[in-house]
Amino acid sequence: MKTEKIKLSEIAYARSGDKGDGSNVGIAAYTNEGYEILRRELTAARVKQHFAGIALGDVDRYEAPNMLALNFILHDSLGGGGSESLKTDAQGKTHGIGLLRMEIEVPVGVKLK
């Protein structure tokens, strides 16, 4: 099967925020086919690798198939949280956009939107 490399933003949208010292990144596919690609490609290990230098702790992944979504908790990623951190984005608001920049391989011709 022929594949092509795309950014996650072509098959999904994201929301992110803070959970104490960890950020919460939800990513939802536009289609069922896109969700299956997310389930296959977005492992906790791959997301941790993508956020190397930011996600200093574990990364947990939760599936929400009824919403075609995955949710990730990036532990120890906010430098102590909103009131303690010196980071520019101490609430993790940009982490969703950051994840959408990840490139993945998808089969050519799959319905993306």
C-alpha atoms as a PDB file:
ATOM      1  CA  MET A   1       0.000   0.000   0.000  1.00  0.00           C
ATOM      2  CA  LYS A   2       1.351   3.402  -0.981  1.00  0.00           C
ATOM      3  CA  THR A   3       1.697   5.962   1.831  1.00  0.00           C
ATOM      4  CA  GLU A   4       2.426   9.634   2.160  1.00  0.00           C
ATOM      5  CA  LYS A   5       3.697  11.797   5.008  1.00  0.00           C
ATOM      6  CA  ILE A   6       1.307  14.421   6.402  1.00  0.00           C
ATOM      7  CA  LYS A   7       1.005  16.596   9.492  1.00  0.00           C
ATOM      8  CA  LEU A   8      -1.576  15.585  12.103  1.00  0.00           C
ATOM      9  CA  SER A   9      -3.322  18.905  11.477  1.00  0.00           C
ATOM     10  CA  GLU A  10      -4.564  17.471   8.166  1.00  0.00           C
ATOM     11  CA  ILE A  11      -6.647  14.780   9.904  1.00  0.00           C
ATOM     12  CA  ALA A  12      -7.347  16.180  13.372  1.00  0.00           C
ATOM     13  CA  TYR A  13      -7.767  19.184  15.646  1.00  0.00           C
ATOM     14  CA  ALA A  14      -6.488  19.633  19.191  1.00  0.00           C
ATOM     15  CA  ARG A  15      -7.247  21.294  22.520  1.00  0.00           C
ATOM     16  CA  SER A  16      -4.802  21.588  25.360  1.00  0.00           C
ATOM     17  CA  GLY A  17      -4.420  23.032  28.809  1.00  0.00           C
ATOM     18  CA  ASP A  18      -3.004  22.379  32.233  1.00  0.00           C
ATOM     19  CA  LYS A  19      -3.549  19.799  34.918  1.00  0.00           C
ATOM     20  CA  GLY A  20      -1.320  21.024  37.732  1.00  0.00           C
ATOM     21  CA  ASP A  21       2.275  20.422  36.650  1.00  0.00           C
ATOM     22  CA  GLY A  22       1.176  18.409  33.607  1.00  0.00           C
ATOM     23  CA  SER A  23      -0.407  19.420  30.363  1.00  0.00           C
ATOM     24  CA  ASN A  24      -3.477  17.793  28.890  1.00  0.00           C
ATOM     25  CA  VAL A  25      -3.557  17.411  25.093  1.00  0.00           C
ATOM     26  CA  GLY A  26      -6.718  16.146  23.413  1.00  0.00           C
ATOM     27  CA  ILE A  27      -6.584  15.352  19.706  1.00  0.00           C
ATOM     28  CA  ALA A  28      -9.692  14.431  17.708  1.00  0.00           C
ATOM     29  CA  ALA A  29      -9.943  13.091  14.173  1.00  0.00           C
ATOM     30  CA  TYR A  30     -12.329  14.472  11.575  1.00  0.00           C
ATOM     31  CA  THR A  31     -13.240  10.984  10.277  1.00  0.00           C
ATOM     32  CA  ASN A  32     -13.421   7.384  11.481  1.00  0.00           C
ATOM     33  CA  GLU A  33     -10.519   6.547   9.165  1.00  0.00           C
ATOM     34  CA  GLY A  34      -8.505   9.369  10.701  1.00  0.00           C
ATOM     35  CA  TYR A  35      -9.243   8.090  14.202  1.00  0.00           C
ATOM     36  CA  GLU A  36      -7.899   4.652  13.305  1.00  0.00           C
ATOM     37  CA  ILE A  37      -4.722   6.322  12.058  1.00  0.00           C
ATOM     38  CA  LEU A  38      -4.451   8.292  15.317  1.00  0.00           C
ATOM     39  CA  ARG A  39      -4.903   5.118  17.350  1.00  0.00           C
ATOM     40  CA  ARG A  40      -2.149   3.394  15.396  1.00  0.00           C
ATOM     41  CA  GLU A  41       0.352   6.263  15.096  1.00  0.00           C
ATOM     42  CA  LEU A  42      -0.022   8.264  18.314  1.00  0.00           C
ATOM     43  CA  THR A  43       1.436   6.076  21.014  1.00  0.00           C
ATOM     44  CA  ALA A  44       2.353   7.533  24.384  1.00  0.00           C
ATOM     45  CA  ALA A  45       6.022   6.827  23.571  1.00  0.00           C
ATOM     46  CA  ARG A  46       5.843   8.683  20.262  1.00  0.00           C
ATOM     47  CA  VAL A  47       4.150  11.703  21.858  1.00  0.00           C
ATOM     48  CA  LYS A  48       6.785  11.744  24.618  1.00  0.00           C
ATOM     49  CA  GLN A  49       9.508  11.662  21.946  1.00  0.00           C
ATOM     50  CA  HIS A  50       7.796  14.502  20.043  1.00  0.00           C
ATOM     51  CA  PHE A  51       7.798  16.616  23.224  1.00  0.00           C
ATOM     52  CA  ALA A  52      11.340  15.680  24.300  1.00  0.00           C
ATOM     53  CA  GLY A  53      12.670  18.480  26.459  1.00  0.00           C
ATOM     54  CA  ILE A  54       9.162  19.519  27.499  1.00  0.00           C
ATOM     55  CA  ALA A  55       7.528  16.331  28.823  1.00  0.00           C
ATOM     56  CA  LEU A  56      10.010  15.372  31.530  1.00  0.00           C
ATOM     57  CA  GLY A  57       7.745  12.793  33.161  1.00  0.00           C
ATOM     58  CA  ASP A  58       5.566   9.987  31.863  1.00  0.00           C
ATOM     59  CA  VAL A  59       3.017  10.429  29.095  1.00  0.00           C
ATOM     60  CA  ASP A  60      -0.346   8.698  29.557  1.00  0.00           C
ATOM     61  CA  ARG A  61      -2.770   8.046  26.681  1.00  0.00           C
ATOM     62  CA  TYR A  62      -6.542   7.658  27.009  1.00  0.00           C
ATOM     63  CA  GLU A  63      -8.905   6.693  24.193  1.00  0.00           C
ATOM     64  CA  ALA A  64     -12.326   8.271  23.638  1.00  0.00           C
ATOM     65  CA  PRO A  65     -13.632   6.394  20.573  1.00  0.00           C
ATOM     66  CA  ASN A  66     -17.113   7.916  20.833  1.00  0.00           C
ATOM     67  CA  MET A  67     -15.491  11.322  20.162  1.00  0.00           C
ATOM     68  CA  LEU A  68     -12.868   9.986  17.688  1.00  0.00           C
ATOM     69  CA  ALA A  69     -10.301  11.333  20.134  1.00  0.00           C
ATOM     70  CA  LEU A  70      -7.221  10.529  22.152  1.00  0.00           C
ATOM     71  CA  ASN A  71      -6.209  12.401  25.283  1.00  0.00           C
ATOM     72  CA  PHE A  72      -2.635  12.642  26.534  1.00  0.00           C
ATOM     73  CA  ILE A  73      -1.367  13.757  29.915  1.00  0.00           C
ATOM     74  CA  LEU A  74       2.211  15.032  29.722  1.00  0.00           C
ATOM     75  CA  HIS A  75       3.408  14.772  33.319  1.00  0.00           C
ATOM     76  CA  ASP A  76       6.047  17.211  34.567  1.00  0.00           C
ATOM     77  CA  SER A  77       5.777  19.415  31.478  1.00  0.00           C
ATOM     78  CA  LEU A  78       4.900  22.819  32.937  1.00  0.00           C
ATOM     79  CA  GLY A  79       7.789  23.647  35.238  1.00  0.00           C
ATOM     80  CA  GLY A  80       5.657  23.505  38.385  1.00  0.00           C
ATOM     81  CA  GLY A  81       2.373  24.765  36.941  1.00  0.00           C
ATOM     82  CA  GLY A  82       0.815  28.153  36.297  1.00  0.00           C
ATOM     83  CA  SER A  83       1.674  29.881  39.552  1.00  0.00           C
ATOM     84  CA  GLU A  84       5.185  28.420  39.969  1.00  0.00           C
ATOM     85  CA  SER A  85       6.596  28.239  36.465  1.00  0.00           C
ATOM     86  CA  LEU A  86       8.814  30.710  34.665  1.00  0.00           C
ATOM     87  CA  LYS A  87       7.830  29.164  31.319  1.00  0.00           C
ATOM     88  CA  THR A  88       6.117  31.374  28.742  1.00  0.00           C
ATOM     89  CA  ASP A  89       3.261  28.852  28.393  1.00  0.00           C
ATOM     90  CA  ALA A  90       2.853  27.598  31.958  1.00  0.00           C
ATOM     91  CA  GLN A  91      -0.672  26.342  31.193  1.00  0.00           C
ATOM     92  CA  GLY A  92       0.216  24.166  28.177  1.00  0.00           C
ATOM     93  CA  LYS A  93      -2.106  26.023  25.771  1.00  0.00           C
ATOM     94  CA  THR A  94       0.336  25.641  22.861  1.00  0.00           C
ATOM     95  CA  HIS A  95       0.981  21.918  23.355  1.00  0.00           C
ATOM     96  CA  GLY A  96      -2.022  20.980  21.196  1.00  0.00           C
ATOM     97  CA  ILE A  97      -0.714  23.035  18.294  1.00  0.00           C
ATOM     98  CA  GLY A  98       2.708  21.509  18.866  1.00  0.00           C
ATOM     99  CA  LEU A  99       1.323  17.992  18.563  1.00  0.00           C
ATOM    100  CA  LEU A 100      -0.552  18.852  15.364  1.00  0.00           C
ATOM    101  CA  ARG A 101       2.842  19.585  13.776  1.00  0.00           C
ATOM    102  CA  MET A 102       3.892  15.928  14.151  1.00  0.00           C
ATOM    103  CA  GLU A 103       4.273  14.134  10.825  1.00  0.00           C
ATOM    104  CA  ILE A 104       2.818  10.667  10.275  1.00  0.00           C
ATOM    105  CA  GLU A 105       2.529   8.180   7.404  1.00  0.00           C
ATOM    106  CA  VAL A 106      -0.980   7.596   6.026  1.00  0.00           C
ATOM    107  CA  PRO A 107      -2.245   5.456   3.166  1.00  0.00           C
ATOM    108  CA  VAL A 108      -2.716   7.459  -0.040  1.00  0.00           C
ATOM    109  CA  GLY A 109      -6.408   8.084  -0.716  1.00  0.00           C
ATOM    110  CA  VAL A 110      -7.671   7.742   2.858  1.00  0.00           C
ATOM    111  CA  LYS A 111     -10.569  10.068   3.737  1.00  0.00           C
ATOM    112  CA  LEU A 112      -8.999  12.718   5.957  1.00  0.00           C
ATOM    113  CA  LYS A 113     -11.771  15.314   6.389  1.00  0.00           C
END
